[in-house]
N, C-alpha and C. Protein backbone atom coordinates (compact mmCIF):
# COMPACT_ATOMS: atom_id res chain seq x y z
N UNK A 1 209.66 174.99 97.21
CA UNK A 1 210.51 173.99 97.86
C UNK A 1 211.85 174.62 98.26
N UNK A 2 212.31 174.33 99.43
CA UNK A 2 213.59 174.88 99.88
C UNK A 2 214.73 173.94 99.47
N UNK A 3 215.95 174.48 99.47
CA UNK A 3 217.12 173.66 99.16
C UNK A 3 217.25 172.52 100.18
N UNK A 4 216.98 172.85 101.44
CA UNK A 4 217.09 171.84 102.50
C UNK A 4 216.14 170.67 102.24
N UNK A 5 214.90 170.99 101.90
CA UNK A 5 213.92 169.93 101.64
C UNK A 5 214.28 169.14 100.38
N UNK A 6 214.73 169.86 99.36
CA UNK A 6 215.15 169.19 98.12
C UNK A 6 216.31 168.23 98.36
N UNK A 7 217.26 168.69 99.17
CA UNK A 7 218.43 167.85 99.47
C UNK A 7 218.04 166.61 100.25
N UNK A 8 217.13 166.79 101.19
CA UNK A 8 216.62 165.65 101.97
C UNK A 8 215.93 164.65 101.04
N UNK A 9 215.10 165.15 100.15
CA UNK A 9 214.37 164.31 99.20
C UNK A 9 215.33 163.56 98.27
N UNK A 10 216.36 164.27 97.80
CA UNK A 10 217.37 163.65 96.92
C UNK A 10 218.13 162.55 97.65
N UNK A 11 218.55 162.85 98.87
CA UNK A 11 219.31 161.87 99.66
C UNK A 11 218.48 160.61 99.90
N UNK A 12 217.20 160.82 100.19
CA UNK A 12 216.29 159.69 100.41
C UNK A 12 216.19 158.84 99.14
N UNK A 13 216.04 159.53 98.00
CA UNK A 13 215.92 158.84 96.70
C UNK A 13 217.18 158.02 96.40
N UNK A 14 218.34 158.64 96.62
CA UNK A 14 219.61 157.96 96.33
C UNK A 14 219.76 156.72 97.21
N UNK A 15 219.47 156.87 98.50
CA UNK A 15 219.52 155.73 99.43
C UNK A 15 218.58 154.62 98.98
N UNK A 16 217.37 154.99 98.60
CA UNK A 16 216.36 154.01 98.19
C UNK A 16 216.82 153.21 96.96
N UNK A 17 217.30 153.93 95.94
CA UNK A 17 217.73 153.24 94.72
C UNK A 17 219.00 152.42 94.96
N UNK A 18 219.86 152.88 95.83
CA UNK A 18 221.07 152.11 96.15
C UNK A 18 220.70 150.77 96.81
N UNK A 19 219.69 150.80 97.66
CA UNK A 19 219.22 149.56 98.28
C UNK A 19 218.63 148.62 97.24
N UNK A 20 217.81 149.17 96.35
CA UNK A 20 217.16 148.35 95.31
C UNK A 20 218.21 147.69 94.42
N UNK A 21 219.23 148.45 94.01
CA UNK A 21 220.21 147.94 93.04
C UNK A 21 221.52 147.47 93.68
N UNK A 22 221.51 147.35 95.00
CA UNK A 22 222.66 146.84 95.73
C UNK A 22 223.94 147.65 95.47
N UNK A 23 223.82 148.96 95.58
CA UNK A 23 224.96 149.86 95.43
C UNK A 23 225.22 150.56 96.76
N UNK A 24 226.42 151.13 96.89
CA UNK A 24 226.76 151.83 98.13
C UNK A 24 226.58 153.33 97.96
N UNK A 25 225.64 153.89 98.72
CA UNK A 25 225.33 155.32 98.60
C UNK A 25 226.53 156.20 98.93
N UNK A 26 227.37 155.75 99.85
CA UNK A 26 228.52 156.59 100.23
C UNK A 26 229.61 156.63 99.16
N UNK A 27 229.44 155.83 98.11
CA UNK A 27 230.40 155.86 97.00
C UNK A 27 229.91 156.74 95.85
N UNK A 28 228.72 157.34 96.03
CA UNK A 28 228.17 158.22 94.99
C UNK A 28 228.28 159.67 95.44
N UNK A 29 228.93 160.46 94.61
CA UNK A 29 229.13 161.87 94.91
C UNK A 29 228.01 162.69 94.27
N UNK A 30 227.36 163.52 95.05
CA UNK A 30 226.34 164.42 94.51
C UNK A 30 227.02 165.71 94.07
N UNK A 31 227.01 165.96 92.76
CA UNK A 31 227.59 167.19 92.22
C UNK A 31 226.43 168.18 92.03
N UNK A 32 226.38 169.19 92.88
CA UNK A 32 225.30 170.18 92.82
C UNK A 32 225.58 171.17 91.69
N UNK A 33 224.79 171.10 90.64
CA UNK A 33 225.04 171.93 89.46
C UNK A 33 224.54 173.34 89.74
N UNK A 34 225.49 174.26 89.87
CA UNK A 34 225.17 175.60 90.36
C UNK A 34 225.29 176.69 89.31
N UNK A 35 225.21 176.31 88.03
CA UNK A 35 225.21 177.35 87.00
C UNK A 35 223.96 178.22 87.18
N UNK A 36 224.14 179.52 87.03
CA UNK A 36 223.06 180.51 87.18
C UNK A 36 222.40 180.47 88.56
N UNK A 37 223.13 179.94 89.55
CA UNK A 37 222.66 179.95 90.94
C UNK A 37 223.54 180.95 91.69
N UNK A 38 222.92 181.82 92.47
CA UNK A 38 223.66 182.87 93.16
C UNK A 38 224.48 182.35 94.34
N UNK A 39 225.40 183.19 94.78
CA UNK A 39 226.31 182.83 95.88
C UNK A 39 225.56 182.43 97.15
N UNK A 40 224.48 183.14 97.47
CA UNK A 40 223.74 182.87 98.71
C UNK A 40 223.22 181.44 98.75
N UNK A 41 222.65 181.01 97.62
CA UNK A 41 222.09 179.65 97.56
C UNK A 41 223.20 178.60 97.60
N UNK A 42 224.32 178.90 96.97
CA UNK A 42 225.45 177.97 96.99
C UNK A 42 225.98 177.82 98.41
N UNK A 43 226.14 178.94 99.10
CA UNK A 43 226.64 178.91 100.49
C UNK A 43 225.65 178.15 101.38
N UNK A 44 224.36 178.35 101.14
CA UNK A 44 223.34 177.60 101.90
C UNK A 44 223.51 176.09 101.67
N UNK A 45 223.73 175.71 100.42
CA UNK A 45 223.92 174.29 100.08
C UNK A 45 225.18 173.73 100.75
N UNK A 46 226.26 174.53 100.79
CA UNK A 46 227.49 174.10 101.45
C UNK A 46 227.22 173.85 102.94
N UNK A 47 226.50 174.79 103.57
CA UNK A 47 226.20 174.66 105.00
C UNK A 47 225.31 173.46 105.28
N UNK A 48 224.51 173.04 104.28
CA UNK A 48 223.64 171.87 104.43
C UNK A 48 224.38 170.56 104.15
N UNK A 49 225.65 170.68 103.75
CA UNK A 49 226.45 169.47 103.57
C UNK A 49 226.89 169.14 102.16
N UNK A 50 226.52 169.95 101.17
CA UNK A 50 226.99 169.71 99.79
C UNK A 50 228.49 170.00 99.71
N UNK A 51 229.22 169.08 99.16
CA UNK A 51 230.69 169.21 99.14
C UNK A 51 231.25 169.46 97.74
N UNK A 52 230.45 169.11 96.71
CA UNK A 52 230.94 169.19 95.33
C UNK A 52 229.91 169.93 94.47
N UNK A 53 230.41 170.84 93.63
CA UNK A 53 229.53 171.64 92.78
C UNK A 53 229.99 171.55 91.33
N UNK A 54 229.07 171.78 90.42
CA UNK A 54 229.39 171.75 88.99
C UNK A 54 229.04 173.07 88.34
N UNK A 55 229.96 173.58 87.54
CA UNK A 55 229.72 174.84 86.82
C UNK A 55 229.94 174.63 85.32
N UNK A 56 229.16 175.38 84.51
CA UNK A 56 229.21 175.22 83.05
C UNK A 56 229.98 176.31 82.33
N UNK A 57 230.16 177.46 83.00
CA UNK A 57 230.76 178.61 82.33
C UNK A 57 231.93 179.16 83.15
N UNK A 58 233.06 179.32 82.48
CA UNK A 58 234.29 179.76 83.15
C UNK A 58 234.11 181.10 83.85
N UNK A 59 233.64 182.11 83.11
CA UNK A 59 233.57 183.46 83.67
C UNK A 59 232.63 183.52 84.87
N UNK A 60 231.46 182.90 84.73
CA UNK A 60 230.50 182.89 85.84
C UNK A 60 231.11 182.20 87.07
N UNK A 61 231.78 181.10 86.83
CA UNK A 61 232.39 180.34 87.94
C UNK A 61 233.47 181.17 88.63
N UNK A 62 234.29 181.86 87.84
CA UNK A 62 235.35 182.71 88.41
C UNK A 62 234.75 183.78 89.32
N UNK A 63 233.70 184.43 88.84
CA UNK A 63 233.07 185.52 89.60
C UNK A 63 232.52 185.03 90.94
N UNK A 64 231.93 183.84 90.94
CA UNK A 64 231.30 183.32 92.16
C UNK A 64 232.29 182.64 93.10
N UNK A 65 233.08 181.73 92.55
CA UNK A 65 233.86 180.83 93.40
C UNK A 65 235.13 181.45 93.97
N UNK A 66 235.69 182.44 93.30
CA UNK A 66 236.86 183.13 93.86
C UNK A 66 236.49 183.70 95.22
N UNK A 67 235.27 184.22 95.30
CA UNK A 67 234.77 184.82 96.54
C UNK A 67 234.36 183.74 97.54
N UNK A 68 233.58 182.76 97.09
CA UNK A 68 233.05 181.72 97.98
C UNK A 68 234.19 180.95 98.66
N UNK A 69 235.22 180.64 97.88
CA UNK A 69 236.30 179.79 98.41
C UNK A 69 237.16 180.48 99.47
N UNK A 70 237.01 181.79 99.61
CA UNK A 70 237.74 182.50 100.66
C UNK A 70 237.27 182.06 102.05
N UNK A 71 236.00 181.70 102.14
CA UNK A 71 235.43 181.38 103.46
C UNK A 71 234.82 179.99 103.57
N UNK A 72 234.71 179.28 102.45
CA UNK A 72 234.02 177.99 102.47
C UNK A 72 234.82 176.93 101.72
N UNK A 73 234.75 175.72 102.22
CA UNK A 73 235.48 174.61 101.60
C UNK A 73 234.53 173.79 100.73
N UNK A 74 234.84 173.71 99.45
CA UNK A 74 234.03 172.89 98.52
C UNK A 74 234.87 172.59 97.29
N UNK A 75 234.54 171.49 96.63
CA UNK A 75 235.18 171.16 95.35
C UNK A 75 234.29 171.65 94.22
N UNK A 76 234.93 172.12 93.16
CA UNK A 76 234.16 172.60 92.01
C UNK A 76 234.63 171.86 90.75
N UNK A 77 233.65 171.28 90.03
CA UNK A 77 233.93 170.56 88.79
C UNK A 77 233.47 171.40 87.60
N UNK A 78 234.25 171.38 86.53
CA UNK A 78 233.80 172.03 85.30
C UNK A 78 233.08 170.99 84.46
N UNK A 79 231.81 171.30 84.11
CA UNK A 79 230.99 170.30 83.40
C UNK A 79 230.43 170.85 82.09
N UNK A 80 230.91 172.03 81.67
CA UNK A 80 230.45 172.59 80.41
C UNK A 80 231.46 172.34 79.29
N UNK A 81 231.13 172.83 78.10
CA UNK A 81 232.05 172.68 76.96
C UNK A 81 233.28 173.55 77.22
N UNK A 82 234.45 172.96 77.11
CA UNK A 82 235.70 173.68 77.39
C UNK A 82 236.51 173.86 76.11
N UNK A 83 236.75 175.14 75.77
CA UNK A 83 237.61 175.44 74.63
C UNK A 83 239.06 175.40 75.10
N UNK A 84 239.95 174.99 74.21
CA UNK A 84 241.35 174.82 74.61
C UNK A 84 241.99 176.15 75.05
N UNK A 85 241.49 177.29 74.52
CA UNK A 85 242.07 178.59 74.93
C UNK A 85 241.63 179.00 76.33
N UNK A 86 240.75 178.22 76.95
CA UNK A 86 240.31 178.48 78.34
C UNK A 86 240.90 177.46 79.32
N UNK A 87 241.83 176.65 78.83
CA UNK A 87 242.40 175.58 79.66
C UNK A 87 243.11 176.14 80.90
N UNK A 88 243.82 177.24 80.75
CA UNK A 88 244.56 177.82 81.88
C UNK A 88 243.60 178.20 83.01
N UNK A 89 242.52 178.92 82.67
CA UNK A 89 241.54 179.33 83.68
C UNK A 89 240.89 178.11 84.33
N UNK A 90 240.62 177.09 83.52
CA UNK A 90 239.97 175.89 84.05
C UNK A 90 240.87 175.17 85.05
N UNK A 91 242.16 175.05 84.72
CA UNK A 91 243.11 174.39 85.62
C UNK A 91 243.28 175.19 86.90
N UNK A 92 243.30 176.51 86.78
CA UNK A 92 243.45 177.39 87.95
C UNK A 92 242.31 177.23 88.94
N UNK A 93 241.08 177.13 88.42
CA UNK A 93 239.90 177.23 89.28
C UNK A 93 239.31 175.90 89.73
N UNK A 94 239.35 174.89 88.87
CA UNK A 94 238.55 173.69 89.12
C UNK A 94 239.35 172.52 89.71
N UNK A 95 238.67 171.77 90.56
CA UNK A 95 239.26 170.56 91.15
C UNK A 95 239.15 169.38 90.20
N UNK A 96 238.17 169.46 89.29
CA UNK A 96 237.99 168.40 88.29
C UNK A 96 237.46 169.02 87.00
N UNK A 97 237.89 168.46 85.89
CA UNK A 97 237.38 168.86 84.56
C UNK A 97 236.75 167.61 83.95
N UNK A 98 235.44 167.68 83.70
CA UNK A 98 234.71 166.48 83.28
C UNK A 98 234.47 166.40 81.78
N UNK A 99 234.95 167.38 81.03
CA UNK A 99 234.54 167.45 79.63
C UNK A 99 235.71 167.46 78.65
N UNK A 100 236.79 166.77 79.02
CA UNK A 100 237.90 166.65 78.07
C UNK A 100 237.46 165.76 76.91
N UNK A 101 237.66 166.24 75.67
CA UNK A 101 237.16 165.43 74.54
C UNK A 101 238.09 165.43 73.33
N UNK A 102 239.32 165.95 73.49
CA UNK A 102 240.23 165.96 72.34
C UNK A 102 241.69 165.96 72.79
N UNK A 103 242.58 165.57 71.90
CA UNK A 103 244.02 165.58 72.20
C UNK A 103 244.51 167.02 72.38
N UNK A 104 243.97 167.93 71.58
CA UNK A 104 244.38 169.34 71.67
C UNK A 104 244.09 169.88 73.08
N UNK A 105 242.90 169.59 73.58
CA UNK A 105 242.52 170.05 74.92
C UNK A 105 243.35 169.36 75.99
N UNK A 106 243.60 168.07 75.81
CA UNK A 106 244.43 167.31 76.77
C UNK A 106 245.82 167.93 76.89
N UNK A 107 246.39 168.30 75.73
CA UNK A 107 247.74 168.89 75.70
C UNK A 107 247.77 170.23 76.44
N UNK A 108 246.73 171.06 76.23
CA UNK A 108 246.67 172.37 76.88
C UNK A 108 246.48 172.22 78.40
N UNK A 109 245.61 171.32 78.81
CA UNK A 109 245.39 171.09 80.24
C UNK A 109 246.68 170.61 80.90
N UNK A 110 247.37 169.70 80.23
CA UNK A 110 248.63 169.16 80.75
C UNK A 110 249.69 170.26 80.90
N UNK A 111 249.74 171.14 79.90
CA UNK A 111 250.72 172.24 79.91
C UNK A 111 250.50 173.14 81.14
N UNK A 112 249.25 173.51 81.39
CA UNK A 112 248.97 174.42 82.51
C UNK A 112 248.98 173.70 83.86
N UNK A 113 248.66 172.43 83.85
CA UNK A 113 248.76 171.65 85.09
C UNK A 113 250.22 171.65 85.57
N UNK A 114 251.16 171.51 84.62
CA UNK A 114 252.59 171.55 84.96
C UNK A 114 253.01 172.95 85.41
N UNK A 115 252.61 173.97 84.63
CA UNK A 115 253.01 175.35 84.92
C UNK A 115 252.48 175.82 86.27
N UNK A 116 251.23 175.46 86.57
CA UNK A 116 250.58 175.94 87.79
C UNK A 116 250.75 174.97 88.95
N UNK A 117 251.41 173.85 88.68
CA UNK A 117 251.60 172.80 89.69
C UNK A 117 250.26 172.39 90.31
N UNK A 118 249.30 172.12 89.42
CA UNK A 118 247.97 171.66 89.86
C UNK A 118 247.67 170.34 89.17
N UNK A 119 246.80 169.56 89.81
CA UNK A 119 246.56 168.22 89.29
C UNK A 119 245.06 167.89 89.30
N UNK A 120 244.26 168.63 88.50
CA UNK A 120 242.82 168.38 88.55
C UNK A 120 242.46 166.97 88.07
N UNK A 121 241.42 166.42 88.66
CA UNK A 121 240.91 165.14 88.17
C UNK A 121 240.30 165.36 86.79
N UNK A 122 240.53 164.39 85.91
CA UNK A 122 240.03 164.52 84.54
C UNK A 122 239.08 163.37 84.20
N UNK A 123 237.93 163.75 83.66
CA UNK A 123 237.00 162.78 83.07
C UNK A 123 236.98 163.04 81.57
N UNK A 124 236.97 162.00 80.78
CA UNK A 124 236.79 162.17 79.34
C UNK A 124 235.29 162.13 79.04
N UNK A 125 234.82 163.15 78.33
CA UNK A 125 233.42 163.14 77.92
C UNK A 125 233.27 162.31 76.64
N UNK A 126 232.37 161.35 76.69
CA UNK A 126 232.12 160.47 75.54
C UNK A 126 230.81 160.87 74.88
N UNK A 127 230.84 161.03 73.58
CA UNK A 127 229.60 161.31 72.83
C UNK A 127 228.86 159.99 72.67
N UNK A 128 228.19 159.61 73.75
CA UNK A 128 227.66 158.25 73.88
C UNK A 128 226.55 157.94 72.90
N UNK A 129 225.79 158.97 72.52
CA UNK A 129 224.70 158.76 71.56
C UNK A 129 225.09 159.13 70.14
N UNK A 130 226.38 159.45 69.95
CA UNK A 130 226.92 159.83 68.64
C UNK A 130 226.06 160.91 67.98
N UNK A 131 225.80 161.96 68.76
CA UNK A 131 224.98 163.07 68.29
C UNK A 131 225.87 164.21 67.78
N UNK A 132 225.57 164.70 66.61
CA UNK A 132 226.41 165.74 65.98
C UNK A 132 226.52 167.01 66.82
N UNK A 133 225.41 167.37 67.48
CA UNK A 133 225.37 168.66 68.19
C UNK A 133 226.03 168.60 69.56
N UNK A 134 226.42 167.41 70.01
CA UNK A 134 226.96 167.28 71.37
C UNK A 134 228.47 167.15 71.38
N UNK A 135 229.07 167.63 72.48
CA UNK A 135 230.51 167.46 72.68
C UNK A 135 230.81 166.03 73.09
N UNK A 136 232.08 165.72 73.13
CA UNK A 136 232.49 164.38 73.55
C UNK A 136 233.27 163.67 72.46
N UNK A 137 234.18 162.81 72.87
CA UNK A 137 234.96 162.03 71.91
C UNK A 137 234.08 160.91 71.34
N UNK A 138 234.33 160.55 70.11
CA UNK A 138 233.55 159.47 69.49
C UNK A 138 233.93 158.12 70.12
N UNK A 139 233.04 157.16 70.02
CA UNK A 139 233.29 155.83 70.58
C UNK A 139 234.55 155.22 69.97
N UNK A 140 234.74 155.45 68.68
CA UNK A 140 235.89 154.87 67.97
C UNK A 140 237.23 155.45 68.43
N UNK A 141 237.20 156.71 68.85
CA UNK A 141 238.46 157.39 69.20
C UNK A 141 238.77 157.39 70.71
N UNK A 142 237.87 156.81 71.49
CA UNK A 142 238.04 156.87 72.94
C UNK A 142 239.34 156.22 73.42
N UNK A 143 239.61 154.99 72.98
CA UNK A 143 240.79 154.26 73.45
C UNK A 143 242.08 155.02 73.19
N UNK A 144 242.16 155.62 71.99
CA UNK A 144 243.36 156.38 71.61
C UNK A 144 243.51 157.63 72.51
N UNK A 145 242.39 158.29 72.82
CA UNK A 145 242.45 159.49 73.66
C UNK A 145 242.83 159.13 75.10
N UNK A 146 242.32 158.01 75.60
CA UNK A 146 242.69 157.54 76.94
C UNK A 146 244.21 157.34 77.02
N UNK A 147 244.76 156.64 76.04
CA UNK A 147 246.21 156.38 76.01
C UNK A 147 247.00 157.67 75.92
N UNK A 148 246.53 158.61 75.11
CA UNK A 148 247.22 159.88 74.94
C UNK A 148 247.25 160.66 76.25
N UNK A 149 246.11 160.70 76.93
CA UNK A 149 246.02 161.43 78.21
C UNK A 149 246.97 160.84 79.25
N UNK A 150 247.03 159.52 79.27
CA UNK A 150 247.88 158.84 80.27
C UNK A 150 249.36 158.90 79.91
N UNK A 151 249.65 158.47 78.70
CA UNK A 151 251.06 158.22 78.33
C UNK A 151 251.79 159.47 77.85
N UNK A 152 251.09 160.31 77.08
CA UNK A 152 251.74 161.49 76.52
C UNK A 152 251.61 162.71 77.44
N UNK A 153 250.46 162.83 78.09
CA UNK A 153 250.17 164.06 78.87
C UNK A 153 250.31 163.87 80.37
N UNK A 154 250.30 162.64 80.85
CA UNK A 154 250.43 162.39 82.29
C UNK A 154 249.30 163.00 83.10
N UNK A 155 248.10 163.04 82.54
CA UNK A 155 246.97 163.64 83.24
C UNK A 155 246.44 162.72 84.34
N UNK A 156 245.77 163.32 85.29
CA UNK A 156 245.16 162.59 86.40
C UNK A 156 243.78 162.09 85.95
N UNK A 157 243.81 161.12 85.03
CA UNK A 157 242.59 160.63 84.39
C UNK A 157 241.87 159.64 85.32
N UNK A 158 240.63 159.97 85.69
CA UNK A 158 239.93 159.15 86.69
C UNK A 158 238.67 158.46 86.18
N UNK A 159 238.08 158.98 85.09
CA UNK A 159 236.81 158.37 84.68
C UNK A 159 236.26 158.91 83.37
N UNK A 160 235.01 158.51 83.10
CA UNK A 160 234.30 158.92 81.89
C UNK A 160 233.01 159.64 82.28
N UNK A 161 232.57 160.52 81.40
CA UNK A 161 231.34 161.28 81.60
C UNK A 161 230.51 161.23 80.32
N UNK A 162 229.18 161.24 80.47
CA UNK A 162 228.34 161.30 79.27
C UNK A 162 227.02 162.01 79.55
N UNK A 163 226.39 162.46 78.48
CA UNK A 163 225.03 163.00 78.50
C UNK A 163 224.27 162.24 77.41
N UNK A 164 223.35 161.34 77.81
CA UNK A 164 222.64 160.55 76.80
C UNK A 164 221.67 161.40 75.98
N UNK A 165 221.22 160.91 74.83
CA UNK A 165 220.21 161.63 74.05
C UNK A 165 218.96 161.91 74.90
N UNK A 166 218.49 163.14 74.84
CA UNK A 166 217.43 163.57 75.77
C UNK A 166 216.09 162.88 75.53
N UNK A 167 215.82 162.45 74.32
CA UNK A 167 214.50 161.87 74.03
C UNK A 167 214.49 160.34 74.18
N UNK A 168 215.59 159.78 74.61
CA UNK A 168 215.67 158.32 74.68
C UNK A 168 215.88 157.83 76.11
N UNK A 169 215.62 156.54 76.32
CA UNK A 169 215.87 155.89 77.59
C UNK A 169 217.37 155.94 77.89
N UNK A 170 217.72 156.37 79.10
CA UNK A 170 219.14 156.57 79.45
C UNK A 170 219.91 155.27 79.70
N UNK A 171 219.21 154.28 80.23
CA UNK A 171 219.90 153.07 80.73
C UNK A 171 220.88 152.42 79.76
N UNK A 172 220.50 152.18 78.48
CA UNK A 172 221.47 151.53 77.57
C UNK A 172 222.75 152.35 77.40
N UNK A 173 222.62 153.66 77.41
CA UNK A 173 223.80 154.53 77.24
C UNK A 173 224.67 154.51 78.49
N UNK A 174 224.04 154.50 79.65
CA UNK A 174 224.80 154.41 80.90
C UNK A 174 225.52 153.07 81.00
N UNK A 175 224.84 152.01 80.60
CA UNK A 175 225.45 150.67 80.63
C UNK A 175 226.66 150.62 79.69
N UNK A 176 226.52 151.26 78.53
CA UNK A 176 227.63 151.30 77.57
C UNK A 176 228.81 152.08 78.14
N UNK A 177 228.54 153.21 78.80
CA UNK A 177 229.63 154.00 79.39
C UNK A 177 230.36 153.19 80.46
N UNK A 178 229.60 152.46 81.27
CA UNK A 178 230.20 151.62 82.31
C UNK A 178 231.12 150.56 81.69
N UNK A 179 230.67 149.98 80.59
CA UNK A 179 231.46 148.96 79.88
C UNK A 179 232.75 149.58 79.32
N UNK A 180 232.63 150.75 78.73
CA UNK A 180 233.80 151.44 78.16
C UNK A 180 234.82 151.80 79.24
N UNK A 181 234.31 152.23 80.39
CA UNK A 181 235.21 152.58 81.50
C UNK A 181 235.98 151.35 81.95
N UNK A 182 235.28 150.25 82.08
CA UNK A 182 235.92 149.00 82.52
C UNK A 182 236.99 148.57 81.52
N UNK A 183 236.68 148.65 80.24
CA UNK A 183 237.62 148.25 79.19
C UNK A 183 238.89 149.11 79.20
N UNK A 184 238.74 150.37 79.65
CA UNK A 184 239.88 151.30 79.65
C UNK A 184 240.50 151.48 81.03
N UNK A 185 240.09 150.63 81.99
CA UNK A 185 240.69 150.66 83.32
C UNK A 185 240.39 151.93 84.10
N UNK A 186 239.19 152.48 83.89
CA UNK A 186 238.78 153.70 84.60
C UNK A 186 237.65 153.37 85.57
N UNK A 187 237.75 153.89 86.78
CA UNK A 187 236.84 153.46 87.84
C UNK A 187 235.63 154.35 88.03
N UNK A 188 235.72 155.61 87.62
CA UNK A 188 234.63 156.54 87.97
C UNK A 188 233.76 156.91 86.78
N UNK A 189 232.49 157.09 87.06
CA UNK A 189 231.50 157.38 86.03
C UNK A 189 230.69 158.59 86.44
N UNK A 190 230.72 159.64 85.62
CA UNK A 190 229.88 160.80 85.86
C UNK A 190 228.69 160.70 84.92
N UNK A 191 227.58 160.21 85.46
CA UNK A 191 226.38 160.05 84.63
C UNK A 191 225.14 160.09 85.51
N UNK A 192 224.11 160.70 84.97
CA UNK A 192 222.86 160.85 85.71
C UNK A 192 222.64 162.28 86.12
N UNK A 193 221.44 162.78 85.76
CA UNK A 193 221.04 164.14 86.14
C UNK A 193 219.69 164.05 86.85
N UNK A 194 219.04 165.19 87.05
CA UNK A 194 217.80 165.22 87.83
C UNK A 194 216.76 164.22 87.30
N UNK A 195 216.72 164.03 85.98
CA UNK A 195 215.65 163.23 85.37
C UNK A 195 215.93 161.73 85.32
N UNK A 196 217.19 161.31 85.55
CA UNK A 196 217.48 159.87 85.40
C UNK A 196 218.39 159.34 86.51
N UNK A 197 218.09 159.76 87.73
CA UNK A 197 218.86 159.33 88.90
C UNK A 197 218.81 157.81 89.07
N UNK A 198 217.63 157.24 88.97
CA UNK A 198 217.49 155.79 89.19
C UNK A 198 218.29 155.00 88.17
N UNK A 199 218.18 155.37 86.89
CA UNK A 199 218.88 154.64 85.83
C UNK A 199 220.40 154.71 86.03
N UNK A 200 220.88 155.88 86.43
CA UNK A 200 222.32 156.06 86.63
C UNK A 200 222.83 155.21 87.78
N UNK A 201 222.08 155.18 88.88
CA UNK A 201 222.48 154.37 90.04
C UNK A 201 222.46 152.89 89.67
N UNK A 202 221.44 152.47 88.96
CA UNK A 202 221.33 151.06 88.54
C UNK A 202 222.54 150.63 87.71
N UNK A 203 223.09 151.57 86.92
CA UNK A 203 224.22 151.25 86.03
C UNK A 203 225.58 151.53 86.68
N UNK A 204 225.58 151.95 87.95
CA UNK A 204 226.84 152.07 88.68
C UNK A 204 227.53 153.42 88.64
N UNK A 205 226.75 154.49 88.58
CA UNK A 205 227.39 155.81 88.54
C UNK A 205 228.19 156.09 89.81
N UNK A 206 229.23 156.93 89.67
CA UNK A 206 230.02 157.39 90.82
C UNK A 206 229.58 158.78 91.24
N UNK A 207 229.01 159.51 90.28
CA UNK A 207 228.55 160.85 90.64
C UNK A 207 227.36 161.27 89.80
N UNK A 208 226.42 161.92 90.49
CA UNK A 208 225.21 162.43 89.86
C UNK A 208 225.33 163.94 89.75
N UNK A 209 225.05 164.49 88.57
CA UNK A 209 225.10 165.94 88.37
C UNK A 209 223.67 166.48 88.49
N UNK A 210 223.36 167.05 89.65
CA UNK A 210 221.98 167.43 89.95
C UNK A 210 221.85 168.94 90.10
N UNK A 211 221.02 169.55 89.27
CA UNK A 211 220.79 170.99 89.35
C UNK A 211 219.36 171.32 89.75
N UNK A 212 218.43 171.08 88.82
CA UNK A 212 217.02 171.47 89.01
C UNK A 212 216.41 170.84 90.25
N UNK A 213 216.67 169.57 90.47
CA UNK A 213 216.05 168.87 91.62
C UNK A 213 216.56 169.39 92.96
N UNK A 214 217.67 170.13 92.93
CA UNK A 214 218.23 170.69 94.16
C UNK A 214 217.90 172.18 94.30
N UNK A 215 218.21 172.94 93.25
CA UNK A 215 218.06 174.39 93.31
C UNK A 215 216.76 174.91 92.71
N UNK A 216 215.98 174.02 92.08
CA UNK A 216 214.76 174.46 91.40
C UNK A 216 215.06 174.97 90.00
N UNK A 217 214.01 175.38 89.30
CA UNK A 217 214.18 175.90 87.94
C UNK A 217 214.98 177.20 87.99
N UNK A 218 215.88 177.35 87.02
CA UNK A 218 216.67 178.59 86.94
C UNK A 218 215.88 179.67 86.23
N UNK A 219 216.21 180.89 86.57
CA UNK A 219 215.51 182.01 85.94
C UNK A 219 215.94 182.15 84.50
């Protein structure tokens, strides 16, 4: 399958589910997850109309995007686990950071956002399934972290992000994230991957993080 055909298929799917669930397709951003995808394929995706990409690893993203951005216009989101000692690199390179999950990280991002005069969009990652092995702020601590990001750090906080438990139905977790966002006055939701596009659209996602369904299986 080619990237072009995959993108066409994805766009058709998104349009179809938006009609079924009465959502607006033009309000959903497709984040093409390009970890372990080479520059050639990324540039092909840009030329086919992809505007936003997601990367999981700082060093890999630096190596690829420093070069790509010289000639191509695209937004890049950081969607992997971010250590606070990598906050400077993340602020330098990314248009959005989707995995903020602690006050320590919020403070570091804020510090470098001021120093570098950059204002990346921030999503707080919520550990929606309360899984020990996953990143994300706990449900109990979310409200406090939202207030800290806004009031103490002055971050450009735009939404919430989650990764539901892999062996379970996604919909209840997506619905919960939507509820939490509403309670905290946040409008955007980063939820839904290749395997649960329909469920994410039904629950009102703002952006889908799609890798495999666009670029195929990674080596």
